[in-house]
N, C-alpha and C. Protein backbone atom coordinates (compact mmCIF):
# COMPACT_ATOMS: atom_id res chain seq x y z
N MET A 1 -3.71 -72.23 -102.44
CA MET A 1 -4.04 -71.08 -101.63
C MET A 1 -3.39 -71.27 -100.26
N PRO A 2 -2.63 -70.28 -99.77
CA PRO A 2 -1.95 -70.43 -98.49
C PRO A 2 -2.93 -70.34 -97.33
N LYS A 3 -2.65 -71.11 -96.30
CA LYS A 3 -3.47 -71.07 -95.09
C LYS A 3 -2.72 -70.27 -94.04
N TRP A 4 -3.38 -69.28 -93.52
CA TRP A 4 -2.81 -68.46 -92.47
C TRP A 4 -3.21 -69.02 -91.12
N PRO A 5 -2.36 -68.84 -90.14
CA PRO A 5 -2.73 -69.31 -88.80
C PRO A 5 -3.97 -68.56 -88.30
N SER A 6 -4.86 -69.31 -87.68
CA SER A 6 -6.08 -68.68 -87.20
C SER A 6 -5.76 -67.80 -86.00
N ARG A 7 -6.51 -66.73 -85.88
CA ARG A 7 -6.34 -65.80 -84.78
C ARG A 7 -7.67 -65.54 -84.12
N SER A 8 -7.59 -65.14 -82.92
CA SER A 8 -8.79 -64.74 -82.21
C SER A 8 -9.17 -63.33 -82.66
N LYS A 9 -10.39 -63.18 -83.15
CA LYS A 9 -10.82 -61.87 -83.61
C LYS A 9 -10.86 -60.86 -82.47
N THR A 10 -11.21 -61.32 -81.29
CA THR A 10 -11.28 -60.42 -80.16
C THR A 10 -9.90 -59.89 -79.81
N ALA A 11 -8.91 -60.78 -79.81
CA ALA A 11 -7.55 -60.35 -79.49
C ALA A 11 -7.04 -59.36 -80.52
N CYS A 12 -7.34 -59.59 -81.79
CA CYS A 12 -6.89 -58.68 -82.84
C CYS A 12 -7.56 -57.32 -82.70
N ALA A 13 -8.85 -57.33 -82.44
CA ALA A 13 -9.59 -56.08 -82.32
C ALA A 13 -9.11 -55.29 -81.11
N THR A 14 -8.85 -55.96 -80.02
CA THR A 14 -8.38 -55.28 -78.82
C THR A 14 -7.00 -54.69 -79.05
N ALA A 15 -6.12 -55.45 -79.68
CA ALA A 15 -4.78 -54.95 -79.96
C ALA A 15 -4.83 -53.76 -80.91
N TRP A 16 -5.65 -53.82 -81.92
CA TRP A 16 -5.78 -52.72 -82.87
C TRP A 16 -6.31 -51.47 -82.17
N ALA A 17 -7.33 -51.66 -81.34
CA ALA A 17 -7.93 -50.52 -80.65
C ALA A 17 -6.95 -49.87 -79.69
N SER A 18 -6.14 -50.68 -79.03
CA SER A 18 -5.19 -50.10 -78.08
C SER A 18 -4.07 -49.35 -78.81
N ARG A 19 -3.68 -49.81 -80.00
CA ARG A 19 -2.64 -49.11 -80.77
C ARG A 19 -3.16 -47.82 -81.36
N HIS A 20 -4.44 -47.79 -81.72
CA HIS A 20 -4.99 -46.62 -82.39
C HIS A 20 -5.75 -45.70 -81.44
N GLY A 21 -5.78 -46.01 -80.18
CA GLY A 21 -6.36 -45.11 -79.20
C GLY A 21 -7.87 -45.04 -79.22
N SER A 22 -8.52 -46.03 -79.71
CA SER A 22 -9.98 -46.02 -79.77
C SER A 22 -10.54 -46.72 -78.54
N ALA A 23 -10.90 -45.95 -77.52
CA ALA A 23 -11.43 -46.53 -76.29
C ALA A 23 -12.80 -47.15 -76.51
N ALA A 24 -13.53 -46.65 -77.49
CA ALA A 24 -14.87 -47.18 -77.74
C ALA A 24 -14.82 -48.62 -78.23
N ALA A 25 -13.73 -49.01 -78.88
CA ALA A 25 -13.62 -50.35 -79.42
C ALA A 25 -13.18 -51.37 -78.36
N LEU A 26 -12.71 -50.88 -77.21
CA LEU A 26 -12.28 -51.80 -76.17
C LEU A 26 -13.46 -52.46 -75.49
N PRO A 27 -13.31 -53.69 -75.06
CA PRO A 27 -14.39 -54.32 -74.30
C PRO A 27 -14.62 -53.58 -72.98
N LYS A 28 -15.82 -53.71 -72.47
CA LYS A 28 -16.20 -52.99 -71.26
C LYS A 28 -15.28 -53.32 -70.09
N SER A 29 -14.80 -54.56 -70.03
CA SER A 29 -13.95 -54.96 -68.91
C SER A 29 -12.60 -54.26 -68.91
N LEU A 30 -12.17 -53.74 -70.07
CA LEU A 30 -10.87 -53.08 -70.15
C LEU A 30 -10.94 -51.58 -69.90
N LYS A 31 -12.13 -51.01 -69.84
CA LYS A 31 -12.28 -49.59 -69.57
C LYS A 31 -12.16 -49.36 -68.07
N THR A 32 -11.19 -48.56 -67.66
CA THR A 32 -10.98 -48.32 -66.24
C THR A 32 -10.78 -46.85 -65.97
N ASN A 33 -10.97 -46.47 -64.71
CA ASN A 33 -10.66 -45.12 -64.26
C ASN A 33 -9.16 -44.99 -64.06
N ASP A 34 -8.72 -43.80 -63.63
CA ASP A 34 -7.31 -43.59 -63.36
C ASP A 34 -6.81 -44.46 -62.21
N ASP A 35 -7.69 -44.77 -61.26
CA ASP A 35 -7.28 -45.56 -60.10
C ASP A 35 -7.33 -47.06 -60.36
N GLY A 36 -7.66 -47.48 -61.57
CA GLY A 36 -7.67 -48.89 -61.92
C GLY A 36 -9.00 -49.58 -61.68
N LYS A 37 -9.97 -48.89 -61.11
CA LYS A 37 -11.30 -49.47 -60.87
C LYS A 37 -12.12 -49.37 -62.16
N PRO A 38 -13.07 -50.27 -62.36
CA PRO A 38 -13.91 -50.18 -63.56
C PRO A 38 -14.64 -48.84 -63.62
N ALA A 39 -14.72 -48.28 -64.82
CA ALA A 39 -15.31 -46.96 -65.01
C ALA A 39 -16.81 -46.96 -64.77
N SER A 40 -17.47 -47.99 -65.18
CA SER A 40 -18.91 -48.03 -65.00
C SER A 40 -19.31 -49.45 -64.65
N GLY A 41 -20.54 -49.60 -64.27
CA GLY A 41 -21.03 -50.92 -63.91
C GLY A 41 -22.02 -50.79 -62.78
N PRO A 42 -22.47 -51.90 -62.30
CA PRO A 42 -23.46 -51.86 -61.22
C PRO A 42 -22.88 -51.23 -59.96
N SER A 43 -23.75 -50.67 -59.15
CA SER A 43 -23.33 -50.10 -57.89
C SER A 43 -22.88 -51.21 -56.95
N LEU A 44 -22.20 -50.82 -55.88
CA LEU A 44 -21.76 -51.82 -54.90
C LEU A 44 -22.93 -52.59 -54.32
N LYS A 45 -24.00 -51.87 -54.03
CA LYS A 45 -25.16 -52.52 -53.43
C LYS A 45 -25.79 -53.50 -54.43
N ALA A 46 -25.86 -53.12 -55.70
CA ALA A 46 -26.42 -54.01 -56.72
C ALA A 46 -25.56 -55.27 -56.86
N ARG A 47 -24.24 -55.09 -56.83
CA ARG A 47 -23.35 -56.25 -56.90
C ARG A 47 -23.57 -57.16 -55.69
N ALA A 48 -23.67 -56.55 -54.51
CA ALA A 48 -23.85 -57.33 -53.28
C ALA A 48 -25.16 -58.11 -53.32
N VAL A 49 -26.23 -57.46 -53.75
CA VAL A 49 -27.52 -58.14 -53.83
C VAL A 49 -27.46 -59.26 -54.87
N GLY A 50 -26.72 -59.04 -55.94
CA GLY A 50 -26.53 -60.09 -56.95
C GLY A 50 -25.82 -61.30 -56.37
N TYR A 51 -24.75 -61.05 -55.61
CA TYR A 51 -24.05 -62.17 -54.96
C TYR A 51 -24.97 -62.89 -53.99
N LEU A 52 -25.72 -62.12 -53.19
CA LEU A 52 -26.59 -62.71 -52.17
C LEU A 52 -27.79 -63.43 -52.78
N SER A 53 -28.17 -63.05 -53.99
CA SER A 53 -29.30 -63.73 -54.62
C SER A 53 -28.92 -65.13 -55.09
N ARG A 54 -27.63 -65.36 -55.28
CA ARG A 54 -27.17 -66.68 -55.71
C ARG A 54 -27.03 -67.64 -54.53
N ARG A 55 -26.48 -67.14 -53.41
CA ARG A 55 -26.31 -67.95 -52.20
C ARG A 55 -26.01 -67.02 -51.04
N GLU A 56 -26.09 -67.56 -49.83
CA GLU A 56 -25.76 -66.78 -48.64
C GLU A 56 -24.25 -66.57 -48.58
N HIS A 57 -23.84 -65.40 -48.12
CA HIS A 57 -22.44 -65.07 -47.93
C HIS A 57 -22.25 -64.54 -46.52
N SER A 58 -21.06 -64.73 -45.98
CA SER A 58 -20.74 -64.10 -44.70
C SER A 58 -20.34 -62.66 -44.98
N ARG A 59 -20.34 -61.85 -43.94
CA ARG A 59 -19.95 -60.45 -44.09
C ARG A 59 -18.50 -60.35 -44.59
N VAL A 60 -17.63 -61.19 -44.06
CA VAL A 60 -16.22 -61.18 -44.45
C VAL A 60 -16.06 -61.53 -45.93
N GLU A 61 -16.73 -62.59 -46.35
CA GLU A 61 -16.63 -63.05 -47.74
C GLU A 61 -17.19 -62.02 -48.71
N LEU A 62 -18.35 -61.46 -48.39
CA LEU A 62 -18.95 -60.47 -49.27
C LEU A 62 -18.11 -59.20 -49.31
N GLY A 63 -17.56 -58.81 -48.17
CA GLY A 63 -16.67 -57.64 -48.14
C GLY A 63 -15.45 -57.84 -49.01
N ARG A 64 -14.89 -59.05 -48.99
CA ARG A 64 -13.73 -59.35 -49.82
C ARG A 64 -14.08 -59.25 -51.31
N LYS A 65 -15.25 -59.74 -51.68
CA LYS A 65 -15.66 -59.69 -53.09
C LYS A 65 -15.91 -58.25 -53.54
N LEU A 66 -16.52 -57.45 -52.66
CA LEU A 66 -16.87 -56.08 -53.04
C LEU A 66 -15.67 -55.14 -52.99
N SER A 67 -14.63 -55.49 -52.26
CA SER A 67 -13.48 -54.59 -52.11
C SER A 67 -12.77 -54.32 -53.43
N ARG A 68 -12.97 -55.17 -54.42
CA ARG A 68 -12.38 -54.92 -55.74
C ARG A 68 -13.05 -53.77 -56.46
N PHE A 69 -14.28 -53.44 -56.05
CA PHE A 69 -15.07 -52.47 -56.79
C PHE A 69 -15.29 -51.16 -56.05
N GLY A 70 -14.80 -51.03 -54.83
CA GLY A 70 -15.02 -49.79 -54.10
C GLY A 70 -14.06 -49.65 -52.94
N GLU A 71 -14.10 -48.47 -52.33
CA GLU A 71 -13.25 -48.18 -51.19
C GLU A 71 -13.76 -48.91 -49.95
N GLU A 72 -12.89 -49.05 -48.97
CA GLU A 72 -13.22 -49.80 -47.75
C GLU A 72 -14.41 -49.18 -47.02
N ASP A 73 -14.46 -47.85 -46.95
CA ASP A 73 -15.57 -47.18 -46.26
C ASP A 73 -16.89 -47.41 -46.99
N GLU A 74 -16.85 -47.35 -48.31
CA GLU A 74 -18.06 -47.59 -49.10
C GLU A 74 -18.56 -49.03 -48.90
N VAL A 75 -17.63 -49.97 -48.92
CA VAL A 75 -18.00 -51.38 -48.75
C VAL A 75 -18.61 -51.59 -47.37
N ARG A 76 -17.98 -51.01 -46.35
CA ARG A 76 -18.50 -51.16 -44.98
C ARG A 76 -19.91 -50.58 -44.87
N ALA A 77 -20.14 -49.42 -45.50
CA ALA A 77 -21.47 -48.80 -45.45
C ALA A 77 -22.51 -49.67 -46.15
N VAL A 78 -22.14 -50.25 -47.29
CA VAL A 78 -23.07 -51.12 -48.01
C VAL A 78 -23.38 -52.36 -47.19
N LEU A 79 -22.37 -52.95 -46.57
CA LEU A 79 -22.59 -54.14 -45.75
C LEU A 79 -23.48 -53.83 -44.55
N ASP A 80 -23.27 -52.67 -43.92
CA ASP A 80 -24.13 -52.27 -42.79
C ASP A 80 -25.57 -52.10 -43.26
N SER A 81 -25.74 -51.47 -44.42
CA SER A 81 -27.08 -51.26 -44.97
C SER A 81 -27.76 -52.60 -45.28
N LEU A 82 -27.02 -53.53 -45.86
CA LEU A 82 -27.59 -54.84 -46.19
C LEU A 82 -27.98 -55.61 -44.94
N GLU A 83 -27.18 -55.50 -43.89
CA GLU A 83 -27.54 -56.17 -42.63
C GLU A 83 -28.80 -55.56 -42.03
N LYS A 84 -28.89 -54.24 -42.09
CA LYS A 84 -30.05 -53.55 -41.52
C LYS A 84 -31.32 -53.92 -42.29
N GLU A 85 -31.21 -54.07 -43.60
CA GLU A 85 -32.37 -54.39 -44.44
C GLU A 85 -32.70 -55.89 -44.45
N GLY A 86 -31.84 -56.71 -43.87
CA GLY A 86 -32.11 -58.14 -43.80
C GLY A 86 -31.58 -58.96 -44.96
N TRP A 87 -30.84 -58.35 -45.86
CA TRP A 87 -30.28 -59.09 -46.99
C TRP A 87 -29.09 -59.95 -46.55
N LEU A 88 -28.32 -59.44 -45.62
CA LEU A 88 -27.10 -60.11 -45.17
C LEU A 88 -27.29 -60.55 -43.73
N SER A 89 -27.17 -61.85 -43.48
CA SER A 89 -27.36 -62.38 -42.14
C SER A 89 -26.31 -63.46 -41.86
N THR A 90 -25.53 -63.23 -40.82
CA THR A 90 -24.52 -64.21 -40.44
C THR A 90 -25.18 -65.49 -39.95
N GLN A 91 -26.30 -65.36 -39.29
CA GLN A 91 -27.00 -66.55 -38.78
C GLN A 91 -27.50 -67.42 -39.94
N ARG A 92 -28.09 -66.79 -40.96
CA ARG A 92 -28.55 -67.55 -42.13
C ARG A 92 -27.36 -68.20 -42.84
N TYR A 93 -26.25 -67.46 -42.94
CA TYR A 93 -25.06 -68.01 -43.57
C TYR A 93 -24.58 -69.25 -42.82
N ALA A 94 -24.50 -69.14 -41.49
CA ALA A 94 -24.04 -70.27 -40.68
C ALA A 94 -24.96 -71.47 -40.84
N GLN A 95 -26.25 -71.24 -40.86
CA GLN A 95 -27.19 -72.35 -41.04
C GLN A 95 -27.05 -72.98 -42.42
N SER A 96 -26.80 -72.18 -43.45
CA SER A 96 -26.65 -72.74 -44.79
C SER A 96 -25.36 -73.56 -44.89
N VAL A 97 -24.29 -73.11 -44.24
CA VAL A 97 -23.05 -73.89 -44.25
C VAL A 97 -23.25 -75.22 -43.54
N VAL A 98 -23.91 -75.18 -42.39
CA VAL A 98 -24.17 -76.42 -41.65
C VAL A 98 -25.03 -77.36 -42.49
N HIS A 99 -26.06 -76.83 -43.11
CA HIS A 99 -26.95 -77.66 -43.93
C HIS A 99 -26.19 -78.28 -45.11
N ARG A 100 -25.30 -77.50 -45.72
CA ARG A 100 -24.56 -77.97 -46.89
C ARG A 100 -23.51 -79.02 -46.52
N LEU A 101 -22.86 -78.86 -45.38
CA LEU A 101 -21.73 -79.72 -45.05
C LEU A 101 -22.03 -80.84 -44.07
N ALA A 102 -23.13 -80.78 -43.35
CA ALA A 102 -23.37 -81.71 -42.24
C ALA A 102 -23.40 -83.17 -42.69
N ALA A 103 -23.89 -83.46 -43.86
CA ALA A 103 -23.99 -84.86 -44.30
C ALA A 103 -22.63 -85.46 -44.65
N LYS A 104 -21.64 -84.62 -44.97
CA LYS A 104 -20.36 -85.13 -45.44
C LYS A 104 -19.19 -84.82 -44.52
N GLN A 105 -19.32 -83.82 -43.66
CA GLN A 105 -18.19 -83.35 -42.87
C GLN A 105 -18.46 -83.47 -41.38
N GLY A 106 -17.38 -83.49 -40.61
CA GLY A 106 -17.48 -83.56 -39.17
C GLY A 106 -17.61 -82.18 -38.55
N THR A 107 -17.88 -82.18 -37.27
CA THR A 107 -18.09 -80.94 -36.53
C THR A 107 -16.87 -80.03 -36.60
N LEU A 108 -15.68 -80.58 -36.43
CA LEU A 108 -14.47 -79.76 -36.41
C LEU A 108 -14.27 -79.01 -37.72
N ARG A 109 -14.51 -79.68 -38.82
CA ARG A 109 -14.30 -79.04 -40.13
C ARG A 109 -15.36 -77.98 -40.40
N ILE A 110 -16.59 -78.24 -40.02
CA ILE A 110 -17.66 -77.26 -40.22
C ILE A 110 -17.40 -76.02 -39.39
N LEU A 111 -17.01 -76.21 -38.14
CA LEU A 111 -16.74 -75.07 -37.26
C LEU A 111 -15.53 -74.27 -37.74
N ARG A 112 -14.52 -74.95 -38.28
CA ARG A 112 -13.36 -74.24 -38.81
C ARG A 112 -13.76 -73.34 -39.98
N GLU A 113 -14.63 -73.85 -40.85
CA GLU A 113 -15.07 -73.03 -41.98
C GLU A 113 -15.86 -71.81 -41.50
N LEU A 114 -16.70 -72.01 -40.50
CA LEU A 114 -17.47 -70.89 -39.97
C LEU A 114 -16.54 -69.84 -39.36
N ARG A 115 -15.51 -70.26 -38.64
CA ARG A 115 -14.56 -69.31 -38.06
C ARG A 115 -13.83 -68.54 -39.15
N GLN A 116 -13.44 -69.22 -40.21
CA GLN A 116 -12.72 -68.57 -41.30
C GLN A 116 -13.56 -67.49 -41.97
N HIS A 117 -14.87 -67.64 -41.92
CA HIS A 117 -15.75 -66.67 -42.57
C HIS A 117 -16.32 -65.65 -41.59
N GLY A 118 -15.75 -65.57 -40.40
CA GLY A 118 -16.09 -64.50 -39.49
C GLY A 118 -17.38 -64.67 -38.70
N VAL A 119 -17.84 -65.89 -38.52
CA VAL A 119 -19.04 -66.12 -37.71
C VAL A 119 -18.65 -65.97 -36.24
N ALA A 120 -19.50 -65.31 -35.46
CA ALA A 120 -19.21 -65.02 -34.06
C ALA A 120 -19.10 -66.30 -33.23
N ASP A 121 -18.28 -66.25 -32.20
CA ASP A 121 -18.06 -67.42 -31.34
C ASP A 121 -19.34 -67.87 -30.65
N ALA A 122 -20.22 -66.94 -30.31
CA ALA A 122 -21.49 -67.31 -29.65
C ALA A 122 -22.34 -68.18 -30.58
N GLN A 123 -22.41 -67.81 -31.85
CA GLN A 123 -23.17 -68.61 -32.81
C GLN A 123 -22.50 -69.96 -33.05
N ILE A 124 -21.18 -69.96 -33.07
CA ILE A 124 -20.46 -71.21 -33.30
C ILE A 124 -20.69 -72.17 -32.15
N SER A 125 -20.67 -71.68 -30.91
CA SER A 125 -20.88 -72.58 -29.78
C SER A 125 -22.31 -73.13 -29.76
N GLU A 126 -23.26 -72.33 -30.21
CA GLU A 126 -24.65 -72.80 -30.31
C GLU A 126 -24.77 -73.92 -31.35
N LEU A 127 -24.13 -73.72 -32.50
CA LEU A 127 -24.17 -74.73 -33.55
C LEU A 127 -23.38 -75.99 -33.16
N ARG A 128 -22.32 -75.81 -32.39
CA ARG A 128 -21.48 -76.94 -31.98
C ARG A 128 -22.30 -77.98 -31.22
N SER A 129 -23.15 -77.54 -30.31
CA SER A 129 -23.93 -78.51 -29.52
C SER A 129 -24.89 -79.29 -30.41
N ASN A 130 -25.50 -78.62 -31.39
CA ASN A 130 -26.39 -79.33 -32.32
C ASN A 130 -25.62 -80.32 -33.19
N LEU A 131 -24.44 -79.92 -33.65
CA LEU A 131 -23.65 -80.80 -34.51
C LEU A 131 -23.10 -82.00 -33.74
N GLN A 132 -22.66 -81.77 -32.51
CA GLN A 132 -22.09 -82.87 -31.74
C GLN A 132 -23.13 -83.92 -31.38
N ALA A 133 -24.38 -83.49 -31.28
CA ALA A 133 -25.45 -84.45 -30.96
C ALA A 133 -25.64 -85.47 -32.08
N THR A 134 -25.34 -85.08 -33.31
CA THR A 134 -25.55 -85.98 -34.45
C THR A 134 -24.25 -86.48 -35.07
N GLU A 135 -23.12 -86.14 -34.48
CA GLU A 135 -21.84 -86.45 -35.12
C GLU A 135 -21.59 -87.94 -35.29
N LEU A 136 -21.91 -88.74 -34.30
CA LEU A 136 -21.66 -90.18 -34.41
C LEU A 136 -22.46 -90.80 -35.56
N ALA A 137 -23.71 -90.44 -35.67
CA ALA A 137 -24.55 -90.97 -36.76
C ALA A 137 -24.03 -90.50 -38.12
N ARG A 138 -23.62 -89.24 -38.20
CA ARG A 138 -23.09 -88.72 -39.46
C ARG A 138 -21.78 -89.41 -39.83
N ALA A 139 -20.91 -89.62 -38.84
CA ALA A 139 -19.63 -90.29 -39.10
C ALA A 139 -19.85 -91.73 -39.56
N ARG A 140 -20.80 -92.41 -38.94
CA ARG A 140 -21.09 -93.79 -39.35
C ARG A 140 -21.61 -93.83 -40.79
N GLU A 141 -22.44 -92.88 -41.14
CA GLU A 141 -22.98 -92.85 -42.51
C GLU A 141 -21.88 -92.56 -43.53
N VAL A 142 -21.01 -91.61 -43.23
CA VAL A 142 -19.89 -91.30 -44.13
C VAL A 142 -18.98 -92.52 -44.26
N TRP A 143 -18.68 -93.16 -43.13
CA TRP A 143 -17.82 -94.35 -43.14
C TRP A 143 -18.47 -95.48 -43.93
N ARG A 144 -19.79 -95.69 -43.73
CA ARG A 144 -20.50 -96.77 -44.42
C ARG A 144 -20.49 -96.55 -45.93
N LYS A 145 -20.69 -95.32 -46.37
CA LYS A 145 -20.70 -95.05 -47.82
C LYS A 145 -19.33 -95.28 -48.43
N ARG A 146 -18.27 -94.95 -47.70
CA ARG A 146 -16.93 -95.06 -48.26
C ARG A 146 -16.35 -96.48 -48.13
N PHE A 147 -16.52 -97.09 -46.97
CA PHE A 147 -15.86 -98.38 -46.72
C PHE A 147 -16.84 -99.54 -46.56
N GLY A 148 -17.83 -99.40 -45.70
CA GLY A 148 -18.85 -100.43 -45.54
C GLY A 148 -18.47 -101.63 -44.70
N GLN A 149 -17.20 -101.87 -44.47
CA GLN A 149 -16.80 -103.00 -43.64
C GLN A 149 -15.63 -102.59 -42.75
N LEU A 150 -15.54 -103.28 -41.64
CA LEU A 150 -14.47 -102.98 -40.69
C LEU A 150 -13.12 -103.32 -41.29
N PRO A 151 -12.07 -102.62 -40.88
CA PRO A 151 -10.74 -102.88 -41.44
C PRO A 151 -10.23 -104.27 -41.05
N ALA A 152 -9.57 -104.91 -41.99
CA ALA A 152 -9.05 -106.26 -41.76
C ALA A 152 -7.67 -106.23 -41.10
N ASP A 153 -6.90 -105.18 -41.36
CA ASP A 153 -5.56 -105.10 -40.78
C ASP A 153 -5.27 -103.66 -40.36
N ALA A 154 -4.09 -103.46 -39.81
CA ALA A 154 -3.71 -102.14 -39.29
C ALA A 154 -3.60 -101.09 -40.40
N GLY A 155 -3.17 -101.50 -41.58
CA GLY A 155 -3.06 -100.57 -42.70
C GLY A 155 -4.41 -100.02 -43.13
N GLN A 156 -5.39 -100.92 -43.24
CA GLN A 156 -6.74 -100.48 -43.61
C GLN A 156 -7.35 -99.62 -42.50
N ARG A 157 -7.08 -99.98 -41.26
CA ARG A 157 -7.60 -99.19 -40.14
C ARG A 157 -7.02 -97.77 -40.18
N ALA A 158 -5.72 -97.66 -40.43
CA ALA A 158 -5.09 -96.34 -40.51
C ALA A 158 -5.68 -95.53 -41.66
N LYS A 159 -5.95 -96.19 -42.76
CA LYS A 159 -6.54 -95.50 -43.91
C LYS A 159 -7.93 -94.97 -43.57
N GLN A 160 -8.74 -95.77 -42.88
CA GLN A 160 -10.08 -95.35 -42.51
C GLN A 160 -10.03 -94.22 -41.48
N VAL A 161 -9.09 -94.30 -40.54
CA VAL A 161 -8.94 -93.23 -39.55
C VAL A 161 -8.54 -91.93 -40.23
N ARG A 162 -7.57 -91.99 -41.15
CA ARG A 162 -7.14 -90.78 -41.87
C ARG A 162 -8.29 -90.17 -42.65
N PHE A 163 -9.08 -91.02 -43.29
CA PHE A 163 -10.22 -90.53 -44.07
C PHE A 163 -11.20 -89.78 -43.18
N LEU A 164 -11.58 -90.39 -42.06
CA LEU A 164 -12.56 -89.75 -41.17
C LEU A 164 -11.98 -88.48 -40.53
N MET A 165 -10.69 -88.49 -40.23
CA MET A 165 -10.06 -87.28 -39.67
C MET A 165 -10.02 -86.16 -40.70
N SER A 166 -9.78 -86.51 -41.96
CA SER A 166 -9.74 -85.48 -43.00
C SER A 166 -11.12 -84.86 -43.22
N ARG A 167 -12.16 -85.60 -42.88
CA ARG A 167 -13.51 -85.08 -42.98
C ARG A 167 -13.90 -84.23 -41.77
N GLY A 168 -13.06 -84.18 -40.75
CA GLY A 168 -13.33 -83.32 -39.61
C GLY A 168 -14.01 -83.99 -38.44
N PHE A 169 -13.97 -85.30 -38.37
CA PHE A 169 -14.55 -86.00 -37.23
C PHE A 169 -13.50 -86.14 -36.13
N GLY A 170 -13.93 -86.09 -34.88
CA GLY A 170 -13.03 -86.17 -33.74
C GLY A 170 -12.56 -87.59 -33.49
N GLN A 171 -11.49 -87.71 -32.70
CA GLN A 171 -10.89 -89.02 -32.44
C GLN A 171 -11.84 -89.94 -31.68
N ASP A 172 -12.58 -89.40 -30.73
CA ASP A 172 -13.52 -90.25 -29.97
C ASP A 172 -14.60 -90.81 -30.89
N THR A 173 -15.09 -89.98 -31.78
CA THR A 173 -16.12 -90.42 -32.72
C THR A 173 -15.57 -91.49 -33.65
N ILE A 174 -14.36 -91.28 -34.14
CA ILE A 174 -13.73 -92.25 -35.05
C ILE A 174 -13.54 -93.58 -34.33
N ARG A 175 -13.10 -93.51 -33.08
CA ARG A 175 -12.90 -94.73 -32.30
C ARG A 175 -14.21 -95.50 -32.16
N GLN A 176 -15.30 -94.78 -31.91
CA GLN A 176 -16.60 -95.44 -31.76
C GLN A 176 -17.07 -96.05 -33.08
N VAL A 177 -16.82 -95.36 -34.18
CA VAL A 177 -17.24 -95.88 -35.49
C VAL A 177 -16.47 -97.16 -35.82
N LEU A 178 -15.17 -97.16 -35.57
CA LEU A 178 -14.34 -98.30 -35.93
C LEU A 178 -14.33 -99.40 -34.87
N ARG A 179 -15.06 -99.20 -33.80
CA ARG A 179 -15.10 -100.20 -32.73
C ARG A 179 -15.80 -101.47 -33.20
N GLY A 180 -16.65 -101.36 -34.21
CA GLY A 180 -17.24 -102.57 -34.77
C GLY A 180 -18.72 -102.71 -34.55
N VAL A 181 -19.44 -101.61 -34.52
CA VAL A 181 -20.90 -101.69 -34.41
C VAL A 181 -21.43 -102.25 -35.70
N ASP A 182 -22.35 -103.19 -35.61
CA ASP A 182 -22.93 -103.83 -36.79
C ASP A 182 -23.64 -102.78 -37.63
N ILE A 183 -23.45 -102.81 -38.93
CA ILE A 183 -24.03 -101.83 -39.84
C ILE A 183 -25.55 -101.88 -39.81
N ASP A 184 -26.14 -103.06 -39.57
CA ASP A 184 -27.60 -103.16 -39.50
C ASP A 184 -28.15 -102.44 -38.28
N ASP A 185 -27.33 -102.25 -37.25
CA ASP A 185 -27.78 -101.57 -36.04
C ASP A 185 -27.72 -100.05 -36.15
N LEU A 186 -27.25 -99.52 -37.26
CA LEU A 186 -27.12 -98.07 -37.40
C LEU A 186 -28.46 -97.36 -37.31
N ASP A 187 -29.54 -98.00 -37.73
CA ASP A 187 -30.86 -97.36 -37.66
C ASP A 187 -31.27 -97.09 -36.22
N ASP A 188 -30.77 -97.88 -35.27
CA ASP A 188 -31.13 -97.69 -33.86
C ASP A 188 -30.56 -96.40 -33.30
N PHE A 189 -29.51 -95.86 -33.92
CA PHE A 189 -28.85 -94.67 -33.40
C PHE A 189 -29.42 -93.38 -33.95
N ASP A 190 -30.34 -93.41 -34.89
CA ASP A 190 -30.90 -92.20 -35.49
C ASP A 190 -31.87 -91.52 -34.62
């Protein structure tokens, strides 16, 4: 008995439906309006609430996600409505980013991410002072988890400096971490 190459049933059905003009047989994702937007589906507000129910989003990020499903004016109106109703908050988003990244990243990297997502400069400067107060302790903890001992030579020192810089810690903080504070004394700085 001959063996035929296996095929994806979905691909075959979709190809057959497109050749024979049967729109009902097409998957929902392939049904579109004349302008290329999906013909049916959740409203923009329902999509936005769905995204926000999973995690906090910035206005810029949520607008980018919703722009695939509606016009710019519609998206702007939905975002304004969500802010007014309390679903969308830049302050909550900024706090969630800080909470998520503070244990692993430096102040510079956290602030860069906030700027990229459209957080206002006033909020960023407020968060900066809080982050800078704990940056040395956070940098020491990140360094301790990764390396645990002071560099023996210039090559290892350069490697540790590059690592801490890639995490977004400032040069002064890195200098203090690598200056040679005893690891047992780290509890005194908390």
